[in-house]
C-alpha atoms as a PDB file:
ATOM      1  CA  MET A   1      55.286 -10.018 -16.432  1.00  0.00           C
ATOM      2  CA  ARG A   2      56.346  -6.297 -17.624  1.00  0.00           C
ATOM      3  CA  ARG A   3      59.982  -7.982 -17.713  1.00  0.00           C
ATOM      4  CA  HIS A   4      59.014 -10.439 -20.296  1.00  0.00           C
ATOM      5  CA  LEU A   5      56.771  -7.920 -21.989  1.00  0.00           C
ATOM      6  CA  GLY A   6      60.360  -5.421 -21.701  1.00  0.00           C
ATOM      7  CA  VAL A   7      58.326  -2.567 -20.246  1.00  0.00           C
ATOM      8  CA  ASP A   8      58.868  -0.680 -17.178  1.00  0.00           C
ATOM      9  CA  PRO A   9      56.530  -0.309 -14.279  1.00  0.00           C
ATOM     10  CA  GLU A  10      54.966   3.031 -15.260  1.00  0.00           C
ATOM     11  CA  GLU A  11      54.555   2.254 -19.079  1.00  0.00           C
ATOM     12  CA  PHE A  12      52.952  -1.156 -17.588  1.00  0.00           C
ATOM     13  CA  GLU A  13      50.694   0.103 -15.284  1.00  0.00           C
ATOM     14  CA  HIS A  14      49.606   2.542 -18.022  1.00  0.00           C
ATOM     15  CA  ARG A  15      48.743   0.098 -20.505  1.00  0.00           C
ATOM     16  CA  TYR A  16      48.052  -2.968 -19.218  1.00  0.00           C
ATOM     17  CA  VAL A  17      46.155  -1.959 -15.536  1.00  0.00           C
ATOM     18  CA  THR A  18      42.920  -0.659 -14.662  1.00  0.00           C
ATOM     19  CA  HIS A  19      41.342   0.194 -11.359  1.00  0.00           C
ATOM     20  CA  MET A  20      37.791   0.259 -12.733  1.00  0.00           C
ATOM     21  CA  TRP A  21      36.479  -2.564 -10.211  1.00  0.00           C
ATOM     22  CA  GLY A  22      38.271  -0.903  -6.670  1.00  0.00           C
ATOM     23  CA  ARG A  23      41.556  -2.985  -7.304  1.00  0.00           C
ATOM     24  CA  PRO A  24      44.050  -3.282 -10.208  1.00  0.00           C
ATOM     25  CA  SER A  25      43.070  -5.412 -13.124  1.00  0.00           C
ATOM     26  CA  PHE A  26      44.119  -6.174 -16.648  1.00  0.00           C
ATOM     27  CA  VAL A  27      42.337  -3.333 -19.032  1.00  0.00           C
ATOM     28  CA  GLU A  28      39.735  -5.294 -21.098  1.00  0.00           C
ATOM     29  CA  ARG A  29      39.197  -4.251 -24.696  1.00  0.00           C
ATOM     30  CA  PRO A  30      35.720  -3.618 -26.651  1.00  0.00           C
ATOM     31  CA  GLY A  31      33.340  -6.812 -25.750  1.00  0.00           C
ATOM     32  CA  GLY A  32      35.181  -7.486 -22.566  1.00  0.00           C
ATOM     33  CA  ASP A  33      38.336  -9.386 -24.006  1.00  0.00           C
ATOM     34  CA  CYS A  34      41.570  -9.534 -21.583  1.00  0.00           C
ATOM     35  CA  VAL A  35      44.276  -7.055 -23.236  1.00  0.00           C
ATOM     36  CA  PHE A  36      46.594 -10.265 -23.317  1.00  0.00           C
ATOM     37  CA  TYR A  37      44.038 -12.257 -24.998  1.00  0.00           C
ATOM     38  CA  ASP A  38      45.180 -13.096 -28.717  1.00  0.00           C
ATOM     39  CA  ALA A  39      42.037 -13.757 -30.626  1.00  0.00           C
ATOM     40  CA  GLU A  40      43.861 -15.018 -33.808  1.00  0.00           C
ATOM     41  CA  THR A  41      45.222 -17.661 -31.820  1.00  0.00           C
ATOM     42  CA  ALA A  42      42.536 -17.784 -29.139  1.00  0.00           C
ATOM     43  CA  LYS A  43      45.579 -17.676 -26.539  1.00  0.00           C
ATOM     44  CA  CYS A  44      46.396 -16.168 -23.911  1.00  0.00           C
ATOM     45  CA  ALA A  45      49.981 -14.088 -24.497  1.00  0.00           C
ATOM     46  CA  ILE A  46      51.040 -14.434 -21.007  1.00  0.00           C
ATOM     47  CA  TYR A  47      49.608 -17.722 -20.668  1.00  0.00           C
ATOM     48  CA  SER A  48      52.252 -19.010 -18.395  1.00  0.00           C
ATOM     49  CA  LEU A  49      52.970 -16.040 -16.432  1.00  0.00           C
ATOM     50  CA  ARG A  50      49.184 -15.301 -15.838  1.00  0.00           C
ATOM     51  CA  PRO A  51      47.824 -14.199 -12.342  1.00  0.00           C
ATOM     52  CA  LEU A  52      46.047 -16.599 -10.366  1.00  0.00           C
ATOM     53  CA  GLN A  53      42.729 -15.158 -10.637  1.00  0.00           C
ATOM     54  CA  CYS A  54      43.296 -16.371 -14.614  1.00  0.00           C
ATOM     55  CA  SER A  55      44.640 -19.807 -14.018  1.00  0.00           C
ATOM     56  CA  LEU A  56      41.746 -20.476 -11.610  1.00  0.00           C
ATOM     57  CA  PHE A  57      39.223 -19.407 -13.852  1.00  0.00           C
ATOM     58  CA  PRO A  58      36.286 -20.673 -14.322  1.00  0.00           C
ATOM     59  CA  PHE A  59      36.464 -21.955 -11.343  1.00  0.00           C
ATOM     60  CA  TRP A  60      35.366 -18.701  -9.603  1.00  0.00           C
ATOM     61  CA  PRO A  61      33.149 -18.980  -6.648  1.00  0.00           C
ATOM     62  CA  SER A  62      30.923 -17.023  -8.599  1.00  0.00           C
ATOM     63  CA  VAL A  63      30.789 -18.893 -11.374  1.00  0.00           C
ATOM     64  CA  MET A  64      30.469 -22.335  -9.404  1.00  0.00           C
ATOM     65  CA  GLU A  65      27.559 -21.124  -7.069  1.00  0.00           C
ATOM     66  CA  SER A  66      24.921 -22.402  -9.405  1.00  0.00           C
ATOM     67  CA  ARG A  67      24.847 -24.498 -12.790  1.00  0.00           C
ATOM     68  CA  ALA A  68      22.615 -21.146 -13.799  1.00  0.00           C
ATOM     69  CA  ASP A  69      25.783 -19.242 -13.101  1.00  0.00           C
ATOM     70  CA  TRP A  70      28.031 -21.423 -14.586  1.00  0.00           C
ATOM     71  CA  ASP A  71      25.491 -21.903 -17.742  1.00  0.00           C
ATOM     72  CA  ARG A  72      25.706 -18.051 -18.160  1.00  0.00           C
ATOM     73  CA  GLU A  73      29.429 -17.717 -17.889  1.00  0.00           C
ATOM     74  CA  ALA A  74      30.001 -20.477 -20.362  1.00  0.00           C
ATOM     75  CA  ARG A  75      27.732 -18.409 -23.190  1.00  0.00           C
ATOM     76  CA  TRP A  76      30.365 -16.142 -23.549  1.00  0.00           C
ATOM     77  CA  CYS A  77      33.521 -18.317 -22.928  1.00  0.00           C
ATOM     78  CA  PRO A  78      33.989 -21.028 -25.473  1.00  0.00           C
ATOM     79  CA  GLY A  79      36.422 -22.717 -23.638  1.00  0.00           C
ATOM     80  CA  MET A  80      33.943 -24.068 -20.817  1.00  0.00           C
ATOM     81  CA  ASP A  81      32.182 -27.298 -21.304  1.00  0.00           C
ATOM     82  CA  ASP A  82      34.918 -27.949 -24.057  1.00  0.00           C
ATOM     83  CA  GLY A  83      38.127 -29.815 -23.343  1.00  0.00           C
ATOM     84  CA  ARG A  84      39.507 -31.461 -20.268  1.00  0.00           C
ATOM     85  CA  LEU A  85      37.040 -32.867 -17.664  1.00  0.00           C
ATOM     86  CA  TYR A  86      38.124 -31.469 -13.885  1.00  0.00           C
ATOM     87  CA  GLY A  87      37.080 -34.046 -11.344  1.00  0.00           C
ATOM     88  CA  GLU A  88      35.284 -32.779  -8.220  1.00  0.00           C
ATOM     89  CA  GLU A  89      38.107 -32.733  -5.583  1.00  0.00           C
ATOM     90  CA  GLU A  90      40.165 -30.595  -8.409  1.00  0.00           C
ATOM     91  CA  ILE A  91      37.805 -28.410  -8.647  1.00  0.00           C
ATOM     92  CA  ARG A  92      37.405 -28.066  -4.662  1.00  0.00           C
ATOM     93  CA  SER A  93      41.316 -27.946  -4.373  1.00  0.00           C
ATOM     94  CA  ARG A  94      41.305 -24.808  -7.063  1.00  0.00           C
ATOM     95  CA  LEU A  95      38.416 -23.147  -4.785  1.00  0.00           C
ATOM     96  CA  ARG A  96      40.365 -23.221  -1.844  1.00  0.00           C
ATOM     97  CA  GLN A  97      42.999 -21.364  -3.503  1.00  0.00           C
ATOM     98  CA  CYS A  98      40.739 -18.704  -4.660  1.00  0.00           C
ATOM     99  CA  PRO A  99      41.757 -15.433  -2.372  1.00  0.00           C
ATOM    100  CA  PHE A 100      39.270 -13.758  -3.734  1.00  0.00           C
ATOM    101  CA  GLU A 101      35.648 -13.997  -2.442  1.00  0.00           C
ATOM    102  CA  ASP A 102      34.130 -11.788  -5.174  1.00  0.00           C
ATOM    103  CA  LEU A 103      35.137 -13.884  -8.352  1.00  0.00           C
END
């Protein structure tokens, strides 16, 4: 990612990374948008390089725990409940890929 952005490791860490939740995460803008989210295009600026956590969303254990959890997340994420429908086995496969118990 940093090579793609043309920044050295220290600058990448300073501009794009936070440790607010006890482990490295991308900085969020006011309102919760990821620093790499481009609101004008409604797309991720590093989509092809996005980390596993991002590529698994919204199929995180915490979101998939119940219908209420899914609906709560979908209220703020316009891409959920819209677009391609994923089958049960594909969703289970994604959940198995998730190394983060607390997502």
